[in-house]
């Protein structure tokens, strides 16, 4: 599997999502326009979700919880080789 790493462009786009979300929520609150508040809420959920993904992908492999690809996949071998512990006679 390819280890993902966040770049400067990813961080810039994430900041843009947060700024636009805050602008829409503030305008919706000031104008008391429920459609803007709904779209701001959707943007807020998306910004939180994308921030979690960005933080997970930029963490180093030695960090608690692992970095990208942590948790094992279907092709990874288990650490305990119990099959090899018993040798047939």
PDB file of N, CA and C in Angstrom:
ATOM      1  N   UNK A   1       0.831  -1.171   0.000  1.00  0.00           N
ATOM      2  CA  UNK A   1       0.000   0.000   0.000  1.00  0.00           C
ATOM      3  C   UNK A   1       0.879   1.238   0.000  1.00  0.00           C
ATOM      4  N   UNK A   2       0.403   2.268  -0.584  1.00  0.00           N
ATOM      5  CA  UNK A   2       1.151   3.523  -0.656  1.00  0.00           C
ATOM      6  C   UNK A   2       0.809   4.351   0.572  1.00  0.00           C
ATOM      7  N   UNK A   3       1.836   4.833   1.248  1.00  0.00           N
ATOM      8  CA  UNK A   3       1.630   5.690   2.410  1.00  0.00           C
ATOM      9  C   UNK A   3       1.279   7.092   1.930  1.00  0.00           C
ATOM     10  N   UNK A   4       0.186   7.633   2.448  1.00  0.00           N
ATOM     11  CA  UNK A   4      -0.257   8.961   2.052  1.00  0.00           C
ATOM     12  C   UNK A   4       0.377  10.006   2.953  1.00  0.00           C
ATOM     13  N   UNK A   5       0.719  11.111   2.386  1.00  0.00           N
ATOM     14  CA  UNK A   5       1.266  12.224   3.149  1.00  0.00           C
ATOM     15  C   UNK A   5       0.597  13.504   2.666  1.00  0.00           C
ATOM     16  N   UNK A   6       0.182  14.332   3.606  1.00  0.00           N
ATOM     17  CA  UNK A   6      -0.430  15.593   3.241  1.00  0.00           C
ATOM     18  C   UNK A   6       0.611  16.560   2.720  1.00  0.00           C
ATOM     19  N   UNK A   7       0.237  17.332   1.731  1.00  0.00           N
ATOM     20  CA  UNK A   7       1.157  18.304   1.158  1.00  0.00           C
ATOM     21  C   UNK A   7       0.688  19.715   1.504  1.00  0.00           C
ATOM     22  N   UNK A   8       1.463  20.687   1.075  1.00  0.00           N
ATOM     23  CA  UNK A   8       1.106  22.085   1.313  1.00  0.00           C
ATOM     24  C   UNK A   8      -0.205  22.422   0.610  1.00  0.00           C
ATOM     25  N   UNK A   9      -0.414  21.850  -0.573  1.00  0.00           N
ATOM     26  CA  UNK A   9      -1.644  22.096  -1.315  1.00  0.00           C
ATOM     27  C   UNK A   9      -2.852  21.535  -0.559  1.00  0.00           C
ATOM     28  N   UNK A  10      -2.701  20.360   0.038  1.00  0.00           N
ATOM     29  CA  UNK A  10      -3.796  19.784   0.817  1.00  0.00           C
ATOM     30  C   UNK A  10      -4.151  20.678   1.999  1.00  0.00           C
ATOM     31  N   UNK A  11      -3.125  21.189   2.677  1.00  0.00           N
ATOM     32  CA  UNK A  11      -3.356  22.053   3.825  1.00  0.00           C
ATOM     33  C   UNK A  11      -4.046  23.347   3.399  1.00  0.00           C
ATOM     34  N   UNK A  12      -3.649  23.897   2.251  1.00  0.00           N
ATOM     35  CA  UNK A  12      -4.259  25.128   1.749  1.00  0.00           C
ATOM     36  C   UNK A  12      -5.736  24.912   1.412  1.00  0.00           C
ATOM     37  N   UNK A  13      -6.032  23.794   0.764  1.00  0.00           N
ATOM     38  CA  UNK A  13      -7.428  23.494   0.431  1.00  0.00           C
ATOM     39  C   UNK A  13      -8.265  23.267   1.685  1.00  0.00           C
ATOM     40  N   UNK A  14      -7.679  22.629   2.688  1.00  0.00           N
ATOM     41  CA  UNK A  14      -8.395  22.401   3.938  1.00  0.00           C
ATOM     42  C   UNK A  14      -8.699  23.724   4.646  1.00  0.00           C
ATOM     43  N   UNK A  15      -7.745  24.634   4.638  1.00  0.00           N
ATOM     44  CA  UNK A  15      -7.977  25.957   5.235  1.00  0.00           C
ATOM     45  C   UNK A  15      -9.068  26.702   4.467  1.00  0.00           C
ATOM     46  N   UNK A  16      -9.074  26.564   3.136  1.00  0.00           N
ATOM     47  CA  UNK A  16     -10.111  27.217   2.322  1.00  0.00           C
ATOM     48  C   UNK A  16     -11.493  26.659   2.658  1.00  0.00           C
ATOM     49  N   UNK A  17     -11.596  25.357   2.876  1.00  0.00           N
ATOM     50  CA  UNK A  17     -12.882  24.751   3.244  1.00  0.00           C
ATOM     51  C   UNK A  17     -13.355  25.317   4.576  1.00  0.00           C
ATOM     52  N   UNK A  18     -12.452  25.419   5.553  1.00  0.00           N
ATOM     53  CA  UNK A  18     -12.831  25.969   6.851  1.00  0.00           C
ATOM     54  C   UNK A  18     -13.258  27.435   6.747  1.00  0.00           C
ATOM     55  N   UNK A  19     -12.511  28.234   5.978  1.00  0.00           N
ATOM     56  CA  UNK A  19     -12.846  29.661   5.842  1.00  0.00           C
ATOM     57  C   UNK A  19     -14.214  29.830   5.182  1.00  0.00           C
ATOM     58  N   UNK A  20     -14.443  29.104   4.096  1.00  0.00           N
ATOM     59  CA  UNK A  20     -15.738  29.217   3.412  1.00  0.00           C
ATOM     60  C   UNK A  20     -16.890  28.741   4.294  1.00  0.00           C
ATOM     61  N   UNK A  21     -16.647  27.703   5.078  1.00  0.00           N
ATOM     62  CA  UNK A  21     -17.685  27.213   5.984  1.00  0.00           C
ATOM     63  C   UNK A  21     -18.042  28.258   7.025  1.00  0.00           C
ATOM     64  N   UNK A  22     -17.034  28.887   7.604  1.00  0.00           N
ATOM     65  CA  UNK A  22     -17.285  29.911   8.622  1.00  0.00           C
ATOM     66  C   UNK A  22     -18.005  31.109   8.006  1.00  0.00           C
ATOM     67  N   UNK A  23     -17.601  31.510   6.805  1.00  0.00           N
ATOM     68  CA  UNK A  23     -18.252  32.647   6.128  1.00  0.00           C
ATOM     69  C   UNK A  23     -19.728  32.348   5.886  1.00  0.00           C
ATOM     70  N   UNK A  24     -20.030  31.150   5.386  1.00  0.00           N
ATOM     71  CA  UNK A  24     -21.430  30.792   5.100  1.00  0.00           C
ATOM     72  C   UNK A  24     -22.234  30.732   6.388  1.00  0.00           C
ATOM     73  N   UNK A  25     -21.660  30.170   7.447  1.00  0.00           N
ATOM     74  CA  UNK A  25     -22.393  30.103   8.716  1.00  0.00           C
ATOM     75  C   UNK A  25     -22.636  31.488   9.309  1.00  0.00           C
ATOM     76  N   UNK A  26     -21.645  32.363   9.232  1.00  0.00           N
ATOM     77  CA  UNK A  26     -21.824  33.725   9.775  1.00  0.00           C
ATOM     78  C   UNK A  26     -22.860  34.488   8.958  1.00  0.00           C
ATOM     79  N   UNK A  27     -22.762  34.405   7.632  1.00  0.00           N
ATOM     80  CA  UNK A  27     -23.755  35.096   6.795  1.00  0.00           C
ATOM     81  C   UNK A  27     -25.155  34.538   7.016  1.00  0.00           C
ATOM     82  N   UNK A  28     -25.257  33.234   7.150  1.00  0.00           N
ATOM     83  CA  UNK A  28     -26.561  32.621   7.414  1.00  0.00           C
ATOM     84  C   UNK A  28     -27.127  33.048   8.746  1.00  0.00           C
ATOM     85  N   UNK A  29     -26.272  33.171   9.749  1.00  0.00           N
ATOM     86  CA  UNK A  29     -26.735  33.612  11.056  1.00  0.00           C
ATOM     87  C   UNK A  29     -27.142  35.077  11.073  1.00  0.00           C
ATOM     88  N   UNK A  30     -26.363  35.921  10.398  1.00  0.00           N
ATOM     89  CA  UNK A  30     -26.690  37.351  10.371  1.00  0.00           C
ATOM     90  C   UNK A  30     -27.948  37.635   9.551  1.00  0.00           C
ATOM     91  N   UNK A  31     -28.100  36.927   8.430  1.00  0.00           N
ATOM     92  CA  UNK A  31     -29.253  37.151   7.559  1.00  0.00           C
ATOM     93  C   UNK A  31     -30.455  36.312   7.973  1.00  0.00           C
ATOM     94  N   UNK A  32     -30.269  35.441   8.939  1.00  0.00           N
ATOM     95  CA  UNK A  32     -31.310  34.512   9.375  1.00  0.00           C
ATOM     96  C   UNK A  32     -31.875  33.735   8.186  1.00  0.00           C
ATOM     97  N   UNK A  33     -30.948  33.281   7.348  1.00  0.00           N
ATOM     98  CA  UNK A  33     -31.314  32.518   6.153  1.00  0.00           C
ATOM     99  C   UNK A  33     -31.025  31.039   6.411  1.00  0.00           C
ATOM    100  N   UNK A  34     -32.097  30.262   6.551  1.00  0.00           N
ATOM    101  CA  UNK A  34     -31.911  28.849   6.886  1.00  0.00           C
ATOM    102  C   UNK A  34     -31.191  28.061   5.787  1.00  0.00           C
ATOM    103  N   UNK A  35     -31.350  28.399   4.486  1.00  0.00           N
ATOM    104  CA  UNK A  35     -30.581  27.618   3.493  1.00  0.00           C
ATOM    105  C   UNK A  35     -29.066  27.768   3.675  1.00  0.00           C
ATOM    106  N   UNK A  36     -28.617  28.969   4.037  1.00  0.00           N
ATOM    107  CA  UNK A  36     -27.192  29.161   4.282  1.00  0.00           C
ATOM    108  C   UNK A  36     -26.737  28.398   5.529  1.00  0.00           C
ATOM    109  N   UNK A  37     -27.587  28.349   6.529  1.00  0.00           N
ATOM    110  CA  UNK A  37     -27.247  27.593   7.734  1.00  0.00           C
ATOM    111  C   UNK A  37     -27.178  26.101   7.447  1.00  0.00           C
ATOM    112  N   UNK A  38     -28.065  25.603   6.593  1.00  0.00           N
ATOM    113  CA  UNK A  38     -28.027  24.183   6.220  1.00  0.00           C
ATOM    114  C   UNK A  38     -26.741  23.872   5.462  1.00  0.00           C
ATOM    115  N   UNK A  39     -26.431  24.702   4.462  1.00  0.00           N
ATOM    116  CA  UNK A  39     -25.194  24.478   3.698  1.00  0.00           C
ATOM    117  C   UNK A  39     -23.950  24.669   4.564  1.00  0.00           C
ATOM    118  N   UNK A  40     -24.017  25.606   5.510  1.00  0.00           N
ATOM    119  CA  UNK A  40     -22.906  25.780   6.436  1.00  0.00           C
ATOM    120  C   UNK A  40     -22.726  24.567   7.339  1.00  0.00           C
ATOM    121  N   UNK A  41     -23.838  23.976   7.757  1.00  0.00           N
ATOM    122  CA  UNK A  41     -23.769  22.751   8.568  1.00  0.00           C
ATOM    123  C   UNK A  41     -23.174  21.594   7.789  1.00  0.00           C
ATOM    124  N   UNK A  42     -23.572  21.465   6.526  1.00  0.00           N
ATOM    125  CA  UNK A  42     -22.994  20.417   5.674  1.00  0.00           C
ATOM    126  C   UNK A  42     -21.501  20.676   5.473  1.00  0.00           C
ATOM    127  N   UNK A  43     -21.138  21.935   5.252  1.00  0.00           N
ATOM    128  CA  UNK A  43     -19.729  22.287   5.102  1.00  0.00           C
ATOM    129  C   UNK A  43     -18.935  22.032   6.375  1.00  0.00           C
ATOM    130  N   UNK A  44     -19.563  22.261   7.522  1.00  0.00           N
ATOM    131  CA  UNK A  44     -18.893  22.016   8.798  1.00  0.00           C
ATOM    132  C   UNK A  44     -18.606  20.522   8.976  1.00  0.00           C
ATOM    133  N   UNK A  45     -19.580  19.688   8.660  1.00  0.00           N
ATOM    134  CA  UNK A  45     -19.363  18.236   8.731  1.00  0.00           C
ATOM    135  C   UNK A  45     -18.242  17.800   7.792  1.00  0.00           C
ATOM    136  N   UNK A  46     -18.249  18.342   6.580  1.00  0.00           N
ATOM    137  CA  UNK A  46     -17.206  17.992   5.607  1.00  0.00           C
ATOM    138  C   UNK A  46     -15.833  18.473   6.080  1.00  0.00           C
ATOM    139  N   UNK A  47     -15.769  19.673   6.653  1.00  0.00           N
ATOM    140  CA  UNK A  47     -14.490  20.207   7.116  1.00  0.00           C
ATOM    141  C   UNK A  47     -13.919  19.367   8.258  1.00  0.00           C
ATOM    142  N   UNK A  48     -14.773  18.941   9.175  1.00  0.00           N
ATOM    143  CA  UNK A  48     -14.314  18.101  10.282  1.00  0.00           C
ATOM    144  C   UNK A  48     -13.823  16.756   9.755  1.00  0.00           C
ATOM    145  N   UNK A  49     -14.580  16.153   8.850  1.00  0.00           N
ATOM    146  CA  UNK A  49     -14.205  14.867   8.269  1.00  0.00           C
ATOM    147  C   UNK A  49     -12.877  14.964   7.524  1.00  0.00           C
ATOM    148  N   UNK A  50     -12.719  15.992   6.706  1.00  0.00           N
ATOM    149  CA  UNK A  50     -11.475  16.165   5.951  1.00  0.00           C
ATOM    150  C   UNK A  50     -10.290  16.482   6.862  1.00  0.00           C
ATOM    151  N   UNK A  51     -10.536  17.209   7.949  1.00  0.00           N
ATOM    152  CA  UNK A  51      -9.462  17.503   8.894  1.00  0.00           C
ATOM    153  C   UNK A  51      -8.975  16.226   9.564  1.00  0.00           C
ATOM    154  N   UNK A  52      -9.910  15.341   9.936  1.00  0.00           N
ATOM    155  CA  UNK A  52      -9.516  14.064  10.542  1.00  0.00           C
ATOM    156  C   UNK A  52      -8.684  13.239   9.571  1.00  0.00           C
ATOM    157  N   UNK A  53      -9.085  13.203   8.321  1.00  0.00           N
ATOM    158  CA  UNK A  53      -8.328  12.451   7.320  1.00  0.00           C
ATOM    159  C   UNK A  53      -6.940  13.063   7.143  1.00  0.00           C
ATOM    160  N   UNK A  54      -6.869  14.379   7.069  1.00  0.00           N
ATOM    161  CA  UNK A  54      -5.580  15.061   6.884  1.00  0.00           C
ATOM    162  C   UNK A  54      -4.639  14.786   8.055  1.00  0.00           C
ATOM    163  N   UNK A  55      -5.153  14.877   9.273  1.00  0.00           N
ATOM    164  CA  UNK A  55      -4.320  14.635  10.447  1.00  0.00           C
ATOM    165  C   UNK A  55      -3.862  13.182  10.485  1.00  0.00           C
ATOM    166  N   UNK A  56      -4.757  12.252  10.161  1.00  0.00           N
ATOM    167  CA  UNK A  56      -4.382  10.833  10.154  1.00  0.00           C
ATOM    168  C   UNK A  56      -3.285  10.560   9.126  1.00  0.00           C
ATOM    169  N   UNK A  57      -3.382  11.188   7.963  1.00  0.00           N
ATOM    170  CA  UNK A  57      -2.419  10.926   6.897  1.00  0.00           C
ATOM    171  C   UNK A  57      -1.088  11.634   7.096  1.00  0.00           C
ATOM    172  N   UNK A  58      -1.038  12.662   7.912  1.00  0.00           N
ATOM    173  CA  UNK A  58       0.217  13.375   8.114  1.00  0.00           C
ATOM    174  C   UNK A  58       0.956  12.907   9.355  1.00  0.00           C
ATOM    175  N   UNK A  59       0.325  12.073  10.171  1.00  0.00           N
ATOM    176  CA  UNK A  59       1.016  11.537  11.349  1.00  0.00           C
ATOM    177  C   UNK A  59       2.108  10.589  10.911  1.00  0.00           C
ATOM    178  N   UNK A  60       3.171  10.585  11.626  1.00  0.00           N
ATOM    179  CA  UNK A  60       4.283   9.693  11.306  1.00  0.00           C
ATOM    180  C   UNK A  60       3.945   8.250  11.620  1.00  0.00           C
ATOM    181  N   UNK A  61       4.703   7.307  11.050  1.00  0.00           N
ATOM    182  CA  UNK A  61       4.416   5.902  11.284  1.00  0.00           C
ATOM    183  C   UNK A  61       4.669   5.467  12.721  1.00  0.00           C
ATOM    184  N   UNK A  62       5.464   6.211  13.489  1.00  0.00           N
ATOM    185  CA  UNK A  62       5.749   5.842  14.866  1.00  0.00           C
ATOM    186  C   UNK A  62       4.776   6.436  15.866  1.00  0.00           C
ATOM    187  N   UNK A  63       3.830   7.241  15.394  1.00  0.00           N
ATOM    188  CA  UNK A  63       2.898   7.910  16.296  1.00  0.00           C
ATOM    189  C   UNK A  63       1.877   6.915  16.834  1.00  0.00           C
ATOM    190  N   UNK A  64       1.358   7.160  18.045  1.00  0.00           N
ATOM    191  CA  UNK A  64       0.322   6.280  18.576  1.00  0.00           C
ATOM    192  C   UNK A  64      -0.882   6.277  17.651  1.00  0.00           C
ATOM    193  N   UNK A  65      -1.425   5.133  17.414  1.00  0.00           N
ATOM    194  CA  UNK A  65      -2.543   5.028  16.480  1.00  0.00           C
ATOM    195  C   UNK A  65      -2.061   4.812  15.073  1.00  0.00           C
ATOM    196  N   UNK A  66      -0.773   4.919  14.859  1.00  0.00           N
ATOM    197  CA  UNK A  66      -0.199   4.659  13.546  1.00  0.00           C
ATOM    198  C   UNK A  66      -0.466   5.768  12.570  1.00  0.00           C
ATOM    199  N   UNK A  67       0.200   5.706  11.473  1.00  0.00           N
ATOM    200  CA  UNK A  67      -0.018   6.669  10.406  1.00  0.00           C
ATOM    201  C   UNK A  67      -0.887   6.034   9.351  1.00  0.00           C
ATOM    202  N   UNK A  68      -0.633   6.392   8.108  1.00  0.00           N
ATOM    203  CA  UNK A  68      -1.394   5.819   7.013  1.00  0.00           C
ATOM    204  C   UNK A  68      -1.059   4.344   6.898  1.00  0.00           C
ATOM    205  N   UNK A  69      -2.059   3.537   6.751  1.00  0.00           N
ATOM    206  CA  UNK A  69      -1.850   2.108   6.588  1.00  0.00           C
ATOM    207  C   UNK A  69      -1.740   1.374   7.909  1.00  0.00           C
ATOM    208  N   UNK A  70      -1.961   2.049   9.019  1.00  0.00           N
ATOM    209  CA  UNK A  70      -1.880   1.373  10.306  1.00  0.00           C
ATOM    210  C   UNK A  70      -3.112   0.515  10.520  1.00  0.00           C
ATOM    211  N   UNK A  71      -2.986  -0.456  11.342  1.00  0.00           N
ATOM    212  CA  UNK A  71      -4.135  -1.298  11.648  1.00  0.00           C
ATOM    213  C   UNK A  71      -4.134  -2.579  10.864  1.00  0.00           C
ATOM    214  N   UNK A  72      -3.187  -2.721   9.993  1.00  0.00           N
ATOM    215  CA  UNK A  72      -3.082  -3.974   9.245  1.00  0.00           C
ATOM    216  C   UNK A  72      -4.092  -4.049   8.126  1.00  0.00           C
ATOM    217  N   UNK A  73      -3.775  -4.842   7.191  1.00  0.00           N
ATOM    218  CA  UNK A  73      -4.668  -5.053   6.065  1.00  0.00           C
ATOM    219  C   UNK A  73      -4.874  -6.534   5.862  1.00  0.00           C
ATOM    220  N   UNK A  74      -5.622  -6.901   4.858  1.00  0.00           N
ATOM    221  CA  UNK A  74      -5.914  -8.314   4.646  1.00  0.00           C
ATOM    222  C   UNK A  74      -4.692  -9.113   4.213  1.00  0.00           C
ATOM    223  N   UNK A  75      -3.659  -8.462   3.690  1.00  0.00           N
ATOM    224  CA  UNK A  75      -2.492  -9.178   3.206  1.00  0.00           C
ATOM    225  C   UNK A  75      -1.342  -9.216   4.203  1.00  0.00           C
ATOM    226  N   UNK A  76      -1.516  -8.564   5.358  1.00  0.00           N
ATOM    227  CA  UNK A  76      -0.434  -8.543   6.329  1.00  0.00           C
ATOM    228  C   UNK A  76      -0.437  -9.829   7.147  1.00  0.00           C
ATOM    229  N   UNK A  77       0.760 -10.319   7.457  1.00  0.00           N
ATOM    230  CA  UNK A  77       0.914 -11.525   8.252  1.00  0.00           C
ATOM    231  C   UNK A  77       0.757 -11.170   9.722  1.00  0.00           C
ATOM    232  N   UNK A  78       0.151 -12.038  10.517  1.00  0.00           N
ATOM    233  CA  UNK A  78       0.054 -11.756  11.946  1.00  0.00           C
ATOM    234  C   UNK A  78       1.428 -11.822  12.590  1.00  0.00           C
ATOM    235  N   UNK A  79       1.594 -11.071  13.678  1.00  0.00           N
ATOM    236  CA  UNK A  79       2.878 -11.023  14.363  1.00  0.00           C
ATOM    237  C   UNK A  79       3.173 -12.348  15.056  1.00  0.00           C
ATOM    238  N   UNK A  80       2.135 -13.067  15.475  1.00  0.00           N
ATOM    239  CA  UNK A  80       2.302 -14.332  16.177  1.00  0.00           C
ATOM    240  C   UNK A  80       2.236 -15.477  15.173  1.00  0.00           C
ATOM    241  N   UNK A  81       3.329 -16.191  15.006  1.00  0.00           N
ATOM    242  CA  UNK A  81       3.351 -17.334  14.093  1.00  0.00           C
ATOM    243  C   UNK A  81       3.073 -18.608  14.886  1.00  0.00           C
ATOM    244  N   UNK A  82       1.844 -18.797  15.275  1.00  0.00           N
ATOM    245  CA  UNK A  82       1.513 -19.965  16.083  1.00  0.00           C
ATOM    246  C   UNK A  82       1.598 -21.260  15.278  1.00  0.00           C
ATOM    247  N   UNK A  83       1.486 -21.179  13.957  1.00  0.00           N
ATOM    248  CA  UNK A  83       1.582 -22.371  13.127  1.00  0.00           C
ATOM    249  C   UNK A  83       2.984 -22.961  13.178  1.00  0.00           C
ATOM    250  N   UNK A  84       3.993 -22.111  13.247  1.00  0.00           N
ATOM    251  CA  UNK A  84       5.371 -22.566  13.243  1.00  0.00           C
ATOM    252  C   UNK A  84       5.841 -23.012  14.623  1.00  0.00           C
ATOM    253  N   UNK A  85       5.038 -22.713  15.677  1.00  0.00           N
ATOM    254  CA  UNK A  85       5.445 -23.063  17.028  1.00  0.00           C
ATOM    255  C   UNK A  85       5.480 -24.586  17.217  1.00  0.00           C
ATOM    256  N   UNK A  86       4.568 -25.276  16.609  1.00  0.00           N
ATOM    257  CA  UNK A  86       4.529 -26.731  16.715  1.00  0.00           C
ATOM    258  C   UNK A  86       5.143 -27.344  15.464  1.00  0.00           C
ATOM    259  N   UNK A  87       6.159 -28.162  15.665  1.00  0.00           N
ATOM    260  CA  UNK A  87       6.768 -28.813  14.509  1.00  0.00           C
ATOM    261  C   UNK A  87       6.221 -30.228  14.391  1.00  0.00           C
ATOM    262  N   UNK A  88       5.822 -30.616  13.187  1.00  0.00           N
ATOM    263  CA  UNK A  88       5.292 -31.973  13.026  1.00  0.00           C
ATOM    264  C   UNK A  88       6.391 -33.007  13.198  1.00  0.00           C
ATOM    265  N   UNK A  89       6.030 -34.204  13.652  1.00  0.00           N
ATOM    266  CA  UNK A  89       7.012 -35.282  13.849  1.00  0.00           C
ATOM    267  C   UNK A  89       6.947 -36.272  12.739  1.00  0.00           C
TER     268      UNK A  89
END
